[in-house]
Amino acid sequence: MGEHLPVYIIDLMVGHKWGEFSPTINFRGHAKKMIIDLVVN
């Protein structure tokens, strides 16, 4: 199971969704950049 990280709420975060502040484990980059890298290389 994953590690729990504390999230501290500040005034600027009010009105946003919780998912915007959660770290992603399997982020591999943006798809468009990956396609450009494949075409160039």
N, C-alpha and C. Protein backbone atom coordinates (compact mmCIF):
# COMPACT_ATOMS: atom_id res chain seq x y z
N MET A 1 0.84 -1.18 0.00
CA MET A 1 0.00 0.00 0.00
C MET A 1 0.88 1.24 0.00
N GLY A 2 0.38 2.31 -0.55
CA GLY A 2 1.16 3.54 -0.67
C GLY A 2 1.35 4.26 0.64
N GLU A 3 2.27 5.16 0.60
CA GLU A 3 2.59 5.98 1.77
C GLU A 3 1.62 7.16 1.82
N HIS A 4 1.14 7.48 3.00
CA HIS A 4 0.23 8.62 3.16
C HIS A 4 1.06 9.89 3.38
N LEU A 5 0.77 10.91 2.59
CA LEU A 5 1.46 12.18 2.72
C LEU A 5 0.48 13.22 3.24
N PRO A 6 0.90 14.05 4.19
CA PRO A 6 0.00 15.09 4.69
C PRO A 6 -0.22 16.18 3.64
N VAL A 7 -1.44 16.68 3.56
CA VAL A 7 -1.77 17.79 2.66
C VAL A 7 -2.27 18.93 3.52
N TYR A 8 -1.59 20.04 3.48
CA TYR A 8 -1.98 21.20 4.27
C TYR A 8 -2.76 22.16 3.38
N ILE A 9 -3.94 22.55 3.82
CA ILE A 9 -4.82 23.41 3.03
C ILE A 9 -4.50 24.87 3.33
N ILE A 10 -4.29 25.64 2.26
CA ILE A 10 -4.09 27.08 2.39
C ILE A 10 -5.21 27.79 1.63
N ASP A 11 -5.33 29.08 1.81
CA ASP A 11 -6.42 29.85 1.21
C ASP A 11 -6.48 29.70 -0.31
N LEU A 12 -5.34 29.60 -0.97
CA LEU A 12 -5.32 29.52 -2.43
C LEU A 12 -5.87 28.19 -2.96
N MET A 13 -5.96 27.18 -2.10
CA MET A 13 -6.44 25.86 -2.52
C MET A 13 -7.96 25.74 -2.46
N VAL A 14 -8.63 26.64 -1.79
CA VAL A 14 -10.08 26.54 -1.63
C VAL A 14 -10.75 26.63 -2.99
N GLY A 15 -11.65 25.71 -3.27
CA GLY A 15 -12.37 25.68 -4.54
C GLY A 15 -11.76 24.74 -5.56
N HIS A 16 -10.59 24.18 -5.28
CA HIS A 16 -9.97 23.23 -6.19
C HIS A 16 -10.35 21.81 -5.79
N LYS A 17 -10.13 20.86 -6.69
CA LYS A 17 -10.41 19.46 -6.39
C LYS A 17 -9.20 18.82 -5.70
N TRP A 18 -9.46 17.84 -4.83
CA TRP A 18 -8.38 17.19 -4.07
C TRP A 18 -7.35 16.54 -4.98
N GLY A 19 -7.78 16.00 -6.11
CA GLY A 19 -6.87 15.29 -7.01
C GLY A 19 -5.77 16.16 -7.57
N GLU A 20 -5.97 17.47 -7.59
CA GLU A 20 -4.94 18.37 -8.11
C GLU A 20 -3.71 18.40 -7.22
N PHE A 21 -3.87 18.03 -5.96
CA PHE A 21 -2.77 18.12 -5.01
C PHE A 21 -2.17 16.77 -4.67
N SER A 22 -2.70 15.69 -5.25
CA SER A 22 -2.17 14.36 -4.93
C SER A 22 -1.02 14.02 -5.87
N PRO A 23 0.07 13.50 -5.32
CA PRO A 23 1.19 13.10 -6.17
C PRO A 23 0.82 11.85 -6.96
N THR A 24 1.28 11.77 -8.20
CA THR A 24 0.99 10.60 -9.02
C THR A 24 2.19 9.65 -8.98
N ILE A 25 1.90 8.38 -8.96
CA ILE A 25 2.97 7.38 -8.88
C ILE A 25 3.46 7.00 -10.27
N ASN A 26 2.56 6.88 -11.23
CA ASN A 26 2.92 6.35 -12.55
C ASN A 26 2.95 7.42 -13.63
N PHE A 27 3.25 8.66 -13.30
CA PHE A 27 3.29 9.72 -14.30
C PHE A 27 4.49 9.51 -15.20
N ARG A 28 4.26 9.36 -16.50
CA ARG A 28 5.34 9.09 -17.45
C ARG A 28 5.58 10.26 -18.40
N GLY A 29 5.01 11.39 -18.13
CA GLY A 29 5.18 12.55 -18.99
C GLY A 29 3.93 12.80 -19.81
N HIS A 30 3.92 13.88 -20.54
CA HIS A 30 2.78 14.24 -21.36
C HIS A 30 2.84 13.49 -22.69
N ALA A 31 1.70 13.02 -23.15
CA ALA A 31 1.63 12.19 -24.35
C ALA A 31 2.16 12.91 -25.58
N LYS A 32 1.84 14.19 -25.75
CA LYS A 32 2.27 14.93 -26.94
C LYS A 32 3.79 14.99 -27.01
N LYS A 33 4.45 15.26 -25.90
CA LYS A 33 5.90 15.32 -25.88
C LYS A 33 6.50 13.96 -26.20
N MET A 34 5.89 12.88 -25.71
CA MET A 34 6.40 11.54 -25.97
C MET A 34 6.31 11.21 -27.46
N ILE A 35 5.23 11.62 -28.12
CA ILE A 35 5.07 11.38 -29.56
C ILE A 35 6.12 12.16 -30.34
N ILE A 36 6.36 13.40 -29.97
CA ILE A 36 7.38 14.22 -30.64
C ILE A 36 8.75 13.59 -30.48
N ASP A 37 9.06 13.11 -29.28
CA ASP A 37 10.35 12.46 -29.04
C ASP A 37 10.51 11.21 -29.91
N LEU A 38 9.43 10.43 -30.07
CA LEU A 38 9.50 9.23 -30.90
C LEU A 38 9.74 9.58 -32.36
N VAL A 39 9.09 10.63 -32.85
CA VAL A 39 9.23 11.02 -34.25
C VAL A 39 10.62 11.58 -34.52
N VAL A 40 11.13 12.40 -33.62
CA VAL A 40 12.44 13.04 -33.81
C VAL A 40 13.56 12.02 -33.72
N ASN A 41 13.44 11.08 -32.80
CA ASN A 41 14.52 10.10 -32.62
C ASN A 41 14.24 8.96 -33.52
